[in-house]
Amino acid sequence: MYAVIETGGKQYRVAQGDRLKVELLGGEVGGKVSFEALLVGGEGPARVGAPRVAGAAVEGEIVAHGRHKKVVHFRKKKEGWTKKRGHRQPYTELLITAVRA
């Protein structure tokens, strides 16, 4: 069974046992999180919510907090002018423990 969840302005297709990195969430490592499902499928036809599937939820556990690799933005013009900027986006790593339909 799988589900589609939304967090941090992005949608993810998840199943039980998946690990994924999402936008930074509040909470301690080892804490529990829950998401409402936008779509549930896998056994029979998929159920699509409007906007959420009634009674469907995805539960997960926070495994770690961290920061992605550095993204570099470099600008250069003909006259010898350059500008280098970058940042590291924070994330939360989740382990999906249950998909409930």
N, C-alpha and C. Protein backbone atom coordinates (compact mmCIF):
# COMPACT_ATOMS: atom_id res chain seq x y z
N MET A 1 0.85 -1.17 0.00
CA MET A 1 0.00 0.00 0.00
C MET A 1 0.89 1.24 0.00
N TYR A 2 0.47 2.24 -0.74
CA TYR A 2 1.23 3.48 -0.81
C TYR A 2 0.28 4.66 -0.63
N ALA A 3 0.87 5.82 -0.38
CA ALA A 3 0.08 7.04 -0.22
C ALA A 3 0.89 8.21 -0.74
N VAL A 4 0.19 9.30 -1.04
CA VAL A 4 0.83 10.54 -1.43
C VAL A 4 0.55 11.55 -0.33
N ILE A 5 1.63 12.16 0.21
CA ILE A 5 1.49 13.14 1.28
C ILE A 5 2.07 14.47 0.80
N GLU A 6 1.73 15.54 1.52
CA GLU A 6 2.27 16.85 1.20
C GLU A 6 2.89 17.44 2.46
N THR A 7 4.13 17.91 2.33
CA THR A 7 4.81 18.60 3.41
C THR A 7 5.86 19.53 2.81
N GLY A 8 5.97 20.70 3.36
CA GLY A 8 6.96 21.66 2.88
C GLY A 8 6.67 22.14 1.46
N GLY A 9 5.40 22.12 1.04
CA GLY A 9 5.06 22.57 -0.29
C GLY A 9 5.36 21.57 -1.39
N LYS A 10 5.74 20.35 -1.02
CA LYS A 10 6.06 19.31 -2.01
C LYS A 10 5.24 18.07 -1.71
N GLN A 11 5.03 17.24 -2.72
CA GLN A 11 4.30 16.00 -2.55
C GLN A 11 5.24 14.83 -2.70
N TYR A 12 5.03 13.78 -1.88
CA TYR A 12 5.88 12.60 -1.88
C TYR A 12 5.02 11.35 -1.94
N ARG A 13 5.45 10.36 -2.72
CA ARG A 13 4.80 9.06 -2.75
C ARG A 13 5.57 8.17 -1.78
N VAL A 14 4.87 7.65 -0.77
CA VAL A 14 5.54 6.89 0.29
C VAL A 14 4.86 5.55 0.51
N ALA A 15 5.61 4.61 1.03
CA ALA A 15 5.11 3.31 1.45
C ALA A 15 5.77 2.97 2.78
N GLN A 16 5.26 1.97 3.46
CA GLN A 16 5.81 1.61 4.76
C GLN A 16 7.26 1.17 4.59
N GLY A 17 8.14 1.67 5.45
CA GLY A 17 9.56 1.33 5.41
C GLY A 17 10.42 2.30 4.61
N ASP A 18 9.80 3.25 3.92
CA ASP A 18 10.56 4.23 3.14
C ASP A 18 11.27 5.22 4.04
N ARG A 19 12.43 5.69 3.59
CA ARG A 19 13.15 6.80 4.25
C ARG A 19 13.20 7.93 3.26
N LEU A 20 12.86 9.14 3.70
CA LEU A 20 12.91 10.28 2.80
C LEU A 20 13.32 11.52 3.54
N LYS A 21 13.90 12.45 2.79
CA LYS A 21 14.34 13.73 3.33
C LYS A 21 13.35 14.80 2.90
N VAL A 22 12.76 15.48 3.87
CA VAL A 22 11.76 16.52 3.61
C VAL A 22 12.26 17.83 4.19
N GLU A 23 11.56 18.92 3.86
CA GLU A 23 11.89 20.22 4.44
C GLU A 23 11.90 20.10 5.97
N LEU A 24 12.68 20.93 6.62
CA LEU A 24 12.88 20.86 8.06
C LEU A 24 11.57 20.91 8.83
N LEU A 25 11.36 19.93 9.71
CA LEU A 25 10.18 19.85 10.57
C LEU A 25 10.62 20.05 12.02
N GLY A 26 9.75 20.64 12.82
CA GLY A 26 10.04 20.76 14.23
C GLY A 26 9.86 19.41 14.90
N GLY A 27 10.59 19.16 15.95
CA GLY A 27 10.47 17.89 16.66
C GLY A 27 11.84 17.32 16.96
N GLU A 28 11.85 16.45 17.94
CA GLU A 28 13.09 15.81 18.37
C GLU A 28 13.33 14.54 17.57
N VAL A 29 14.59 14.12 17.49
CA VAL A 29 14.93 12.85 16.86
C VAL A 29 14.28 11.74 17.67
N GLY A 30 13.61 10.82 17.00
CA GLY A 30 12.87 9.76 17.66
C GLY A 30 11.41 10.10 17.86
N GLY A 31 11.03 11.34 17.58
CA GLY A 31 9.64 11.76 17.73
C GLY A 31 8.76 11.24 16.59
N LYS A 32 7.46 11.27 16.82
CA LYS A 32 6.49 10.79 15.83
C LYS A 32 5.88 11.96 15.08
N VAL A 33 5.59 11.75 13.80
CA VAL A 33 4.88 12.73 12.98
C VAL A 33 3.76 12.02 12.24
N SER A 34 2.73 12.77 11.87
CA SER A 34 1.60 12.20 11.16
C SER A 34 1.19 13.15 10.04
N PHE A 35 0.82 12.60 8.90
CA PHE A 35 0.40 13.38 7.75
C PHE A 35 -0.93 12.84 7.25
N GLU A 36 -1.77 13.72 6.72
CA GLU A 36 -2.99 13.29 6.06
C GLU A 36 -2.64 12.91 4.63
N ALA A 37 -3.32 11.91 4.09
CA ALA A 37 -3.01 11.41 2.75
C ALA A 37 -3.86 12.11 1.69
N LEU A 38 -3.22 12.48 0.58
CA LEU A 38 -3.92 13.05 -0.56
C LEU A 38 -4.45 11.96 -1.48
N LEU A 39 -3.76 10.81 -1.50
CA LEU A 39 -4.13 9.70 -2.36
C LEU A 39 -3.67 8.42 -1.67
N VAL A 40 -4.48 7.37 -1.75
CA VAL A 40 -4.11 6.06 -1.20
C VAL A 40 -4.35 5.02 -2.28
N GLY A 41 -3.38 4.15 -2.50
CA GLY A 41 -3.52 3.12 -3.53
C GLY A 41 -2.73 1.89 -3.18
N GLY A 42 -2.80 0.91 -4.07
CA GLY A 42 -2.02 -0.30 -3.88
C GLY A 42 -2.88 -1.54 -3.82
N GLU A 43 -4.03 -1.49 -3.18
CA GLU A 43 -4.95 -2.62 -3.11
C GLU A 43 -6.25 -2.18 -3.77
N GLY A 44 -6.46 -2.61 -4.99
CA GLY A 44 -7.64 -2.18 -5.73
C GLY A 44 -7.41 -0.80 -6.33
N PRO A 45 -8.50 -0.12 -6.69
CA PRO A 45 -8.35 1.20 -7.31
C PRO A 45 -7.87 2.24 -6.29
N ALA A 46 -7.15 3.22 -6.78
CA ALA A 46 -6.64 4.29 -5.91
C ALA A 46 -7.79 5.19 -5.47
N ARG A 47 -7.72 5.65 -4.21
CA ARG A 47 -8.71 6.60 -3.70
C ARG A 47 -8.06 7.97 -3.65
N VAL A 48 -8.69 8.93 -4.30
CA VAL A 48 -8.18 10.29 -4.38
C VAL A 48 -9.06 11.17 -3.51
N GLY A 49 -8.44 11.99 -2.68
CA GLY A 49 -9.18 12.89 -1.81
C GLY A 49 -9.50 14.21 -2.47
N ALA A 50 -10.37 14.95 -1.80
CA ALA A 50 -10.73 16.27 -2.32
C ALA A 50 -10.73 17.28 -1.18
N PRO A 51 -9.65 17.76 -0.66
CA PRO A 51 -8.27 17.50 -1.05
C PRO A 51 -7.62 16.35 -0.30
N ARG A 52 -8.21 15.84 0.79
CA ARG A 52 -7.62 14.75 1.57
C ARG A 52 -8.55 13.55 1.57
N VAL A 53 -7.98 12.33 1.70
CA VAL A 53 -8.78 11.11 1.80
C VAL A 53 -9.25 11.00 3.24
N ALA A 54 -10.55 10.88 3.44
CA ALA A 54 -11.12 10.82 4.79
C ALA A 54 -10.64 9.55 5.50
N GLY A 55 -10.09 9.73 6.70
CA GLY A 55 -9.65 8.61 7.52
C GLY A 55 -8.29 8.03 7.16
N ALA A 56 -7.65 8.51 6.13
CA ALA A 56 -6.34 7.99 5.73
C ALA A 56 -5.24 8.84 6.34
N ALA A 57 -4.19 8.17 6.84
CA ALA A 57 -3.08 8.88 7.46
C ALA A 57 -1.79 8.11 7.24
N VAL A 58 -0.70 8.84 7.29
CA VAL A 58 0.63 8.26 7.19
C VAL A 58 1.39 8.65 8.45
N GLU A 59 1.97 7.66 9.12
CA GLU A 59 2.72 7.91 10.35
C GLU A 59 4.20 7.67 10.09
N GLY A 60 5.03 8.49 10.72
CA GLY A 60 6.46 8.36 10.54
C GLY A 60 7.22 8.70 11.81
N GLU A 61 8.51 8.45 11.75
CA GLU A 61 9.40 8.72 12.88
C GLU A 61 10.56 9.56 12.39
N ILE A 62 10.94 10.57 13.17
CA ILE A 62 12.07 11.42 12.80
C ILE A 62 13.36 10.68 13.11
N VAL A 63 14.17 10.46 12.06
CA VAL A 63 15.42 9.72 12.21
C VAL A 63 16.58 10.68 12.46
N ALA A 64 16.61 11.80 11.73
CA ALA A 64 17.73 12.74 11.86
C ALA A 64 17.36 14.09 11.29
N HIS A 65 18.11 15.10 11.72
CA HIS A 65 18.06 16.43 11.13
C HIS A 65 19.43 16.68 10.51
N GLY A 66 19.48 17.41 9.42
CA GLY A 66 20.77 17.68 8.79
C GLY A 66 20.67 18.78 7.77
N ARG A 67 21.74 18.90 6.99
CA ARG A 67 21.79 19.90 5.92
C ARG A 67 22.31 19.23 4.66
N HIS A 68 21.70 19.55 3.52
CA HIS A 68 22.11 19.00 2.23
C HIS A 68 23.49 19.52 1.84
N LYS A 69 24.00 19.00 0.73
CA LYS A 69 25.26 19.50 0.17
C LYS A 69 25.07 20.95 -0.25
N LYS A 70 26.16 21.70 -0.26
CA LYS A 70 26.10 23.12 -0.60
C LYS A 70 25.74 23.32 -2.06
N VAL A 71 24.83 24.25 -2.29
CA VAL A 71 24.44 24.65 -3.64
C VAL A 71 25.13 25.98 -3.91
N VAL A 72 25.90 26.07 -5.00
CA VAL A 72 26.66 27.26 -5.32
C VAL A 72 26.01 27.98 -6.49
N HIS A 73 25.85 29.29 -6.34
CA HIS A 73 25.31 30.15 -7.40
C HIS A 73 26.41 31.13 -7.77
N PHE A 74 26.91 31.03 -9.00
CA PHE A 74 28.04 31.85 -9.44
C PHE A 74 27.61 32.72 -10.61
N ARG A 75 27.89 34.03 -10.52
CA ARG A 75 27.57 34.98 -11.59
C ARG A 75 28.86 35.64 -12.06
N LYS A 76 28.94 35.86 -13.38
CA LYS A 76 30.13 36.48 -13.95
C LYS A 76 29.71 37.38 -15.11
N LYS A 77 30.36 38.53 -15.21
CA LYS A 77 30.13 39.43 -16.34
C LYS A 77 31.45 39.67 -17.07
N LYS A 78 31.38 40.25 -18.25
CA LYS A 78 32.57 40.45 -19.08
C LYS A 78 33.64 41.29 -18.41
N GLU A 79 33.25 42.29 -17.64
CA GLU A 79 34.20 43.27 -17.10
C GLU A 79 35.06 42.73 -15.96
N GLY A 80 34.98 41.45 -15.67
CA GLY A 80 35.78 40.89 -14.60
C GLY A 80 35.04 40.84 -13.27
N TRP A 81 33.76 41.21 -13.27
CA TRP A 81 32.96 41.20 -12.05
C TRP A 81 32.42 39.80 -11.82
N THR A 82 32.61 39.28 -10.61
CA THR A 82 32.06 37.98 -10.26
C THR A 82 31.40 38.05 -8.90
N LYS A 83 30.46 37.16 -8.69
CA LYS A 83 29.81 37.06 -7.39
C LYS A 83 29.50 35.58 -7.14
N LYS A 84 29.92 35.10 -5.99
CA LYS A 84 29.70 33.70 -5.64
C LYS A 84 28.88 33.64 -4.36
N ARG A 85 27.77 32.96 -4.41
CA ARG A 85 26.91 32.79 -3.25
C ARG A 85 26.46 31.34 -3.18
N GLY A 86 26.04 30.92 -2.02
CA GLY A 86 25.53 29.57 -1.88
C GLY A 86 24.84 29.39 -0.54
N HIS A 87 24.20 28.24 -0.39
CA HIS A 87 23.56 27.92 0.88
C HIS A 87 23.40 26.41 1.00
N ARG A 88 23.14 25.96 2.22
CA ARG A 88 22.87 24.55 2.49
C ARG A 88 21.47 24.46 3.07
N GLN A 89 20.59 23.74 2.39
CA GLN A 89 19.20 23.65 2.80
C GLN A 89 19.05 22.63 3.94
N PRO A 90 18.41 23.00 5.05
CA PRO A 90 18.19 22.04 6.14
C PRO A 90 17.09 21.03 5.77
N TYR A 91 17.19 19.82 6.33
CA TYR A 91 16.19 18.79 6.06
C TYR A 91 15.93 17.96 7.32
N THR A 92 14.84 17.21 7.27
CA THR A 92 14.52 16.22 8.29
C THR A 92 14.38 14.88 7.59
N GLU A 93 15.06 13.86 8.09
CA GLU A 93 14.96 12.53 7.51
C GLU A 93 13.90 11.75 8.26
N LEU A 94 12.95 11.17 7.52
CA LEU A 94 11.84 10.44 8.11
C LEU A 94 11.88 8.97 7.73
N LEU A 95 11.41 8.12 8.65
CA LEU A 95 11.18 6.71 8.38
C LEU A 95 9.67 6.51 8.46
N ILE A 96 9.06 6.06 7.37
CA ILE A 96 7.61 5.86 7.34
C ILE A 96 7.31 4.53 8.04
N THR A 97 6.51 4.61 9.12
CA THR A 97 6.22 3.42 9.92
C THR A 97 4.88 2.78 9.57
N ALA A 98 3.90 3.58 9.10
CA ALA A 98 2.59 3.00 8.79
C ALA A 98 1.85 3.86 7.78
N VAL A 99 1.09 3.18 6.92
CA VAL A 99 0.17 3.84 5.99
C VAL A 99 -1.21 3.28 6.31
N ARG A 100 -2.08 4.13 6.81
CA ARG A 100 -3.42 3.69 7.23
C ARG A 100 -4.47 4.22 6.26
N ALA A 101 -5.27 3.28 5.73
CA ALA A 101 -6.36 3.67 4.85
C ALA A 101 -7.64 3.60 5.63
